[in-house]
């Protein structure tokens, strides 16, 4: 879901730049894109941490 939103907003930003839209509008789109990317990485890091924690728990249980 976030990946799709990021792609759409990236395309919107590219169009804004190519079409010479007002700088403030282009800048606002850029900020929105940055926020989505940050949210995406935060989500991915949390998922990775959860998976790593589950593997560690499983490994501890198996070693008992």
PDB file of N, CA and C in Angstrom:
ATOM      1  N   UNK A   1       0.828  -1.194   0.000  1.00  0.00           N
ATOM      2  CA  UNK A   1       0.000   0.000   0.000  1.00  0.00           C
ATOM      3  C   UNK A   1       0.871   1.256   0.000  1.00  0.00           C
ATOM      4  N   UNK A   2       1.806   1.327   0.943  1.00  0.00           N
ATOM      5  CA  UNK A   2       2.676   2.498   1.003  1.00  0.00           C
ATOM      6  C   UNK A   2       3.536   2.612  -0.248  1.00  0.00           C
ATOM      7  N   UNK A   3       3.990   1.470  -0.749  1.00  0.00           N
ATOM      8  CA  UNK A   3       4.813   1.495  -1.960  1.00  0.00           C
ATOM      9  C   UNK A   3       4.045   2.122  -3.119  1.00  0.00           C
ATOM     10  N   UNK A   4       2.770   1.769  -3.243  1.00  0.00           N
ATOM     11  CA  UNK A   4       1.935   2.319  -4.315  1.00  0.00           C
ATOM     12  C   UNK A   4       1.764   3.823  -4.147  1.00  0.00           C
ATOM     13  N   UNK A   5       1.521   4.259  -2.916  1.00  0.00           N
ATOM     14  CA  UNK A   5       1.358   5.688  -2.650  1.00  0.00           C
ATOM     15  C   UNK A   5       2.645   6.445  -2.956  1.00  0.00           C
ATOM     16  N   UNK A   6       3.773   5.848  -2.597  1.00  0.00           N
ATOM     17  CA  UNK A   6       5.068   6.468  -2.860  1.00  0.00           C
ATOM     18  C   UNK A   6       5.278   6.610  -4.364  1.00  0.00           C
ATOM     19  N   UNK A   7       4.977   5.560  -5.119  1.00  0.00           N
ATOM     20  CA  UNK A   7       5.145   5.604  -6.574  1.00  0.00           C
ATOM     21  C   UNK A   7       4.263   6.682  -7.208  1.00  0.00           C
ATOM     22  N   UNK A   8       3.015   6.763  -6.764  1.00  0.00           N
ATOM     23  CA  UNK A   8       2.092   7.767  -7.301  1.00  0.00           C
ATOM     24  C   UNK A   8       2.582   9.173  -6.990  1.00  0.00           C
ATOM     25  N   UNK A   9       3.014   9.386  -5.761  1.00  0.00           N
ATOM     26  CA  UNK A   9       3.470  10.709  -5.362  1.00  0.00           C
ATOM     27  C   UNK A   9       4.788  11.066  -6.056  1.00  0.00           C
ATOM     28  N   UNK A  10       5.651  10.084  -6.266  1.00  0.00           N
ATOM     29  CA  UNK A  10       6.898  10.320  -6.992  1.00  0.00           C
ATOM     30  C   UNK A  10       6.595  10.757  -8.417  1.00  0.00           C
ATOM     31  N   UNK A  11       5.621  10.104  -9.029  1.00  0.00           N
ATOM     32  CA  UNK A  11       5.232  10.474 -10.387  1.00  0.00           C
ATOM     33  C   UNK A  11       4.640  11.889 -10.409  1.00  0.00           C
ATOM     34  N   UNK A  12       3.840  12.194  -9.404  1.00  0.00           N
ATOM     35  CA  UNK A  12       3.249  13.531  -9.298  1.00  0.00           C
ATOM     36  C   UNK A  12       4.349  14.585  -9.141  1.00  0.00           C
ATOM     37  N   UNK A  13       5.365  14.279  -8.356  1.00  0.00           N
ATOM     38  CA  UNK A  13       6.481  15.195  -8.165  1.00  0.00           C
ATOM     39  C   UNK A  13       7.238  15.386  -9.481  1.00  0.00           C
ATOM     40  N   UNK A  14       7.518  14.291 -10.158  1.00  0.00           N
ATOM     41  CA  UNK A  14       8.218  14.385 -11.445  1.00  0.00           C
ATOM     42  C   UNK A  14       7.435  15.232 -12.441  1.00  0.00           C
ATOM     43  N   UNK A  15       6.127  15.018 -12.507  1.00  0.00           N
ATOM     44  CA  UNK A  15       5.283  15.814 -13.411  1.00  0.00           C
ATOM     45  C   UNK A  15       5.330  17.289 -13.033  1.00  0.00           C
ATOM     46  N   UNK A  16       5.298  17.556 -11.749  1.00  0.00           N
ATOM     47  CA  UNK A  16       5.337  18.932 -11.270  1.00  0.00           C
ATOM     48  C   UNK A  16       6.626  19.625 -11.707  1.00  0.00           C
ATOM     49  N   UNK A  17       7.729  18.895 -11.604  1.00  0.00           N
ATOM     50  CA  UNK A  17       9.025  19.458 -11.997  1.00  0.00           C
ATOM     51  C   UNK A  17       9.081  19.658 -13.504  1.00  0.00           C
ATOM     52  N   UNK A  18       8.680  18.626 -14.243  1.00  0.00           N
ATOM     53  CA  UNK A  18       8.759  18.696 -15.702  1.00  0.00           C
ATOM     54  C   UNK A  18       7.844  19.767 -16.291  1.00  0.00           C
ATOM     55  N   UNK A  19       6.691  19.973 -15.657  1.00  0.00           N
ATOM     56  CA  UNK A  19       5.726  20.946 -16.169  1.00  0.00           C
ATOM     57  C   UNK A  19       5.961  22.348 -15.628  1.00  0.00           C
ATOM     58  N   UNK A  20       6.985  22.515 -14.802  1.00  0.00           N
ATOM     59  CA  UNK A  20       7.331  23.835 -14.292  1.00  0.00           C
ATOM     60  C   UNK A  20       6.280  24.442 -13.380  1.00  0.00           C
ATOM     61  N   UNK A  21       5.629  23.583 -12.593  1.00  0.00           N
ATOM     62  CA  UNK A  21       4.624  24.100 -11.658  1.00  0.00           C
ATOM     63  C   UNK A  21       5.282  25.012 -10.630  1.00  0.00           C
ATOM     64  N   UNK A  22       4.461  25.735  -9.926  1.00  0.00           N
ATOM     65  CA  UNK A  22       4.913  26.643  -8.885  1.00  0.00           C
ATOM     66  C   UNK A  22       5.837  25.919  -7.912  1.00  0.00           C
ATOM     67  N   UNK A  23       6.927  26.586  -7.526  1.00  0.00           N
ATOM     68  CA  UNK A  23       7.920  25.995  -6.640  1.00  0.00           C
ATOM     69  C   UNK A  23       7.298  25.523  -5.332  1.00  0.00           C
ATOM     70  N   UNK A  24       6.420  26.312  -4.758  1.00  0.00           N
ATOM     71  CA  UNK A  24       5.798  25.952  -3.477  1.00  0.00           C
ATOM     72  C   UNK A  24       5.025  24.645  -3.590  1.00  0.00           C
ATOM     73  N   UNK A  25       4.329  24.442  -4.694  1.00  0.00           N
ATOM     74  CA  UNK A  25       3.564  23.204  -4.903  1.00  0.00           C
ATOM     75  C   UNK A  25       4.518  22.016  -5.052  1.00  0.00           C
ATOM     76  N   UNK A  26       5.570  22.207  -5.823  1.00  0.00           N
ATOM     77  CA  UNK A  26       6.557  21.147  -6.007  1.00  0.00           C
ATOM     78  C   UNK A  26       7.211  20.798  -4.673  1.00  0.00           C
ATOM     79  N   UNK A  27       7.533  21.823  -3.911  1.00  0.00           N
ATOM     80  CA  UNK A  27       8.152  21.619  -2.602  1.00  0.00           C
ATOM     81  C   UNK A  27       7.217  20.861  -1.666  1.00  0.00           C
ATOM     82  N   UNK A  28       5.940  21.200  -1.671  1.00  0.00           N
ATOM     83  CA  UNK A  28       4.955  20.531  -0.818  1.00  0.00           C
ATOM     84  C   UNK A  28       4.833  19.046  -1.181  1.00  0.00           C
ATOM     85  N   UNK A  29       4.810  18.750  -2.459  1.00  0.00           N
ATOM     86  CA  UNK A  29       4.755  17.351  -2.907  1.00  0.00           C
ATOM     87  C   UNK A  29       5.998  16.611  -2.430  1.00  0.00           C
ATOM     88  N   UNK A  30       7.157  17.271  -2.527  1.00  0.00           N
ATOM     89  CA  UNK A  30       8.410  16.672  -2.086  1.00  0.00           C
ATOM     90  C   UNK A  30       8.376  16.342  -0.595  1.00  0.00           C
ATOM     91  N   UNK A  31       7.830  17.243   0.199  1.00  0.00           N
ATOM     92  CA  UNK A  31       7.708  17.008   1.643  1.00  0.00           C
ATOM     93  C   UNK A  31       6.791  15.824   1.916  1.00  0.00           C
ATOM     94  N   UNK A  32       5.666  15.768   1.228  1.00  0.00           N
ATOM     95  CA  UNK A  32       4.727  14.654   1.395  1.00  0.00           C
ATOM     96  C   UNK A  32       5.397  13.325   1.036  1.00  0.00           C
ATOM     97  N   UNK A  33       6.175  13.340  -0.033  1.00  0.00           N
ATOM     98  CA  UNK A  33       6.882  12.136  -0.466  1.00  0.00           C
ATOM     99  C   UNK A  33       7.899  11.708   0.587  1.00  0.00           C
ATOM    100  N   UNK A  34       8.649  12.661   1.112  1.00  0.00           N
ATOM    101  CA  UNK A  34       9.622  12.353   2.167  1.00  0.00           C
ATOM    102  C   UNK A  34       8.949  11.722   3.379  1.00  0.00           C
ATOM    103  N   UNK A  35       7.796  12.239   3.746  1.00  0.00           N
ATOM    104  CA  UNK A  35       7.072  11.700   4.901  1.00  0.00           C
ATOM    105  C   UNK A  35       6.609  10.272   4.650  1.00  0.00           C
ATOM    106  N   UNK A  36       6.122  10.005   3.459  1.00  0.00           N
ATOM    107  CA  UNK A  36       5.694   8.644   3.117  1.00  0.00           C
ATOM    108  C   UNK A  36       6.873   7.679   3.113  1.00  0.00           C
ATOM    109  N   UNK A  37       7.984   8.115   2.576  1.00  0.00           N
ATOM    110  CA  UNK A  37       9.174   7.260   2.541  1.00  0.00           C
ATOM    111  C   UNK A  37       9.639   6.959   3.961  1.00  0.00           C
ATOM    112  N   UNK A  38       9.632   7.971   4.821  1.00  0.00           N
ATOM    113  CA  UNK A  38      10.027   7.770   6.226  1.00  0.00           C
ATOM    114  C   UNK A  38       9.082   6.784   6.906  1.00  0.00           C
ATOM    115  N   UNK A  39       7.790   6.913   6.647  1.00  0.00           N
ATOM    116  CA  UNK A  39       6.803   5.997   7.217  1.00  0.00           C
ATOM    117  C   UNK A  39       7.035   4.569   6.712  1.00  0.00           C
ATOM    118  N   UNK A  40       7.358   4.444   5.429  1.00  0.00           N
ATOM    119  CA  UNK A  40       7.625   3.135   4.841  1.00  0.00           C
ATOM    120  C   UNK A  40       8.815   2.468   5.530  1.00  0.00           C
ATOM    121  N   UNK A  41       9.913   3.200   5.670  1.00  0.00           N
ATOM    122  CA  UNK A  41      11.096   2.618   6.304  1.00  0.00           C
ATOM    123  C   UNK A  41      10.867   2.298   7.771  1.00  0.00           C
ATOM    124  N   UNK A  42      10.105   3.127   8.451  1.00  0.00           N
ATOM    125  CA  UNK A  42       9.784   2.857   9.850  1.00  0.00           C
ATOM    126  C   UNK A  42       9.003   1.546   9.960  1.00  0.00           C
ATOM    127  N   UNK A  43       8.035   1.366   9.083  1.00  0.00           N
ATOM    128  CA  UNK A  43       7.237   0.144   9.056  1.00  0.00           C
ATOM    129  C   UNK A  43       8.106  -1.065   8.744  1.00  0.00           C
ATOM    130  N   UNK A  44       8.971  -0.930   7.738  1.00  0.00           N
ATOM    131  CA  UNK A  44       9.848  -2.033   7.350  1.00  0.00           C
ATOM    132  C   UNK A  44      10.804  -2.406   8.476  1.00  0.00           C
ATOM    133  N   UNK A  45      11.343  -1.418   9.166  1.00  0.00           N
ATOM    134  CA  UNK A  45      12.257  -1.690  10.265  1.00  0.00           C
ATOM    135  C   UNK A  45      11.544  -2.398  11.410  1.00  0.00           C
ATOM    136  N   UNK A  46      10.317  -1.988  11.689  1.00  0.00           N
ATOM    137  CA  UNK A  46       9.540  -2.637  12.744  1.00  0.00           C
ATOM    138  C   UNK A  46       9.243  -4.089  12.379  1.00  0.00           C
ATOM    139  N   UNK A  47       8.897  -4.338  11.124  1.00  0.00           N
ATOM    140  CA  UNK A  47       8.631  -5.716  10.683  1.00  0.00           C
ATOM    141  C   UNK A  47       9.887  -6.560  10.785  1.00  0.00           C
ATOM    142  N   UNK A  48      10.994  -5.993  10.388  1.00  0.00           N
ATOM    143  CA  UNK A  48      12.264  -6.709  10.446  1.00  0.00           C
ATOM    144  C   UNK A  48      12.629  -7.039  11.887  1.00  0.00           C
ATOM    145  N   UNK A  49      12.416  -6.093  12.783  1.00  0.00           N
ATOM    146  CA  UNK A  49      12.710  -6.301  14.201  1.00  0.00           C
ATOM    147  C   UNK A  49      11.818  -7.395  14.775  1.00  0.00           C
ATOM    148  N   UNK A  50      10.542  -7.384  14.398  1.00  0.00           N
ATOM    149  CA  UNK A  50       9.594  -8.392  14.876  1.00  0.00           C
ATOM    150  C   UNK A  50      10.007  -9.774  14.395  1.00  0.00           C
ATOM    151  N   UNK A  51      10.381  -9.887  13.122  1.00  0.00           N
ATOM    152  CA  UNK A  51      10.809 -11.178  12.575  1.00  0.00           C
ATOM    153  C   UNK A  51      12.065 -11.670  13.284  1.00  0.00           C
ATOM    154  N   UNK A  52      13.003 -10.755  13.504  1.00  0.00           N
ATOM    155  CA  UNK A  52      14.251 -11.119  14.168  1.00  0.00           C
ATOM    156  C   UNK A  52      13.975 -11.594  15.587  1.00  0.00           C
ATOM    157  N   UNK A  53      13.078 -10.903  16.291  1.00  0.00           N
ATOM    158  CA  UNK A  53      12.729 -11.278  17.657  1.00  0.00           C
ATOM    159  C   UNK A  53      12.063 -12.652  17.683  1.00  0.00           C
ATOM    160  N   UNK A  54      11.172 -12.914  16.754  1.00  0.00           N
ATOM    161  CA  UNK A  54      10.508 -14.223  16.684  1.00  0.00           C
ATOM    162  C   UNK A  54      11.524 -15.332  16.449  1.00  0.00           C
ATOM    163  N   UNK A  55      12.481 -15.082  15.562  1.00  0.00           N
ATOM    164  CA  UNK A  55      13.514 -16.092  15.285  1.00  0.00           C
ATOM    165  C   UNK A  55      14.352 -16.352  16.531  1.00  0.00           C
ATOM    166  N   UNK A  56      14.677 -15.305  17.273  1.00  0.00           N
ATOM    167  CA  UNK A  56      15.476 -15.465  18.485  1.00  0.00           C
ATOM    168  C   UNK A  56      14.712 -16.271  19.536  1.00  0.00           C
ATOM    169  N   UNK A  57      13.425 -16.004  19.682  1.00  0.00           N
ATOM    170  CA  UNK A  57      12.597 -16.734  20.644  1.00  0.00           C
ATOM    171  C   UNK A  57      12.525 -18.205  20.237  1.00  0.00           C
ATOM    172  N   UNK A  58      12.294 -18.439  18.958  1.00  0.00           N
ATOM    173  CA  UNK A  58      12.201 -19.813  18.464  1.00  0.00           C
ATOM    174  C   UNK A  58      13.518 -20.545  18.702  1.00  0.00           C
ATOM    175  N   UNK A  59      14.629 -19.886  18.442  1.00  0.00           N
ATOM    176  CA  UNK A  59      15.940 -20.487  18.630  1.00  0.00           C
ATOM    177  C   UNK A  59      16.172 -20.833  20.109  1.00  0.00           C
ATOM    178  N   UNK A  60      15.771 -19.951  21.006  1.00  0.00           N
ATOM    179  CA  UNK A  60      15.917 -20.209  22.449  1.00  0.00           C
ATOM    180  C   UNK A  60      15.077 -21.404  22.886  1.00  0.00           C
ATOM    181  N   UNK A  61      13.866 -21.497  22.353  1.00  0.00           N
ATOM    182  CA  UNK A  61      12.974 -22.619  22.704  1.00  0.00           C
ATOM    183  C   UNK A  61      13.564 -23.931  22.197  1.00  0.00           C
ATOM    184  N   UNK A  62      14.107 -23.901  20.982  1.00  0.00           N
ATOM    185  CA  UNK A  62      14.678 -25.124  20.409  1.00  0.00           C
ATOM    186  C   UNK A  62      15.932 -25.572  21.132  1.00  0.00           C
ATOM    187  N   UNK A  63      16.668 -24.673  21.722  1.00  0.00           N
ATOM    188  CA  UNK A  63      17.921 -24.991  22.407  1.00  0.00           C
ATOM    189  C   UNK A  63      17.710 -25.494  23.828  1.00  0.00           C
ATOM    190  N   UNK A  64      16.503 -25.466  24.322  1.00  0.00           N
ATOM    191  CA  UNK A  64      16.231 -25.924  25.692  1.00  0.00           C
ATOM    192  C   UNK A  64      16.173 -27.408  25.772  1.00  0.00           C
TER     193      UNK A  64
END
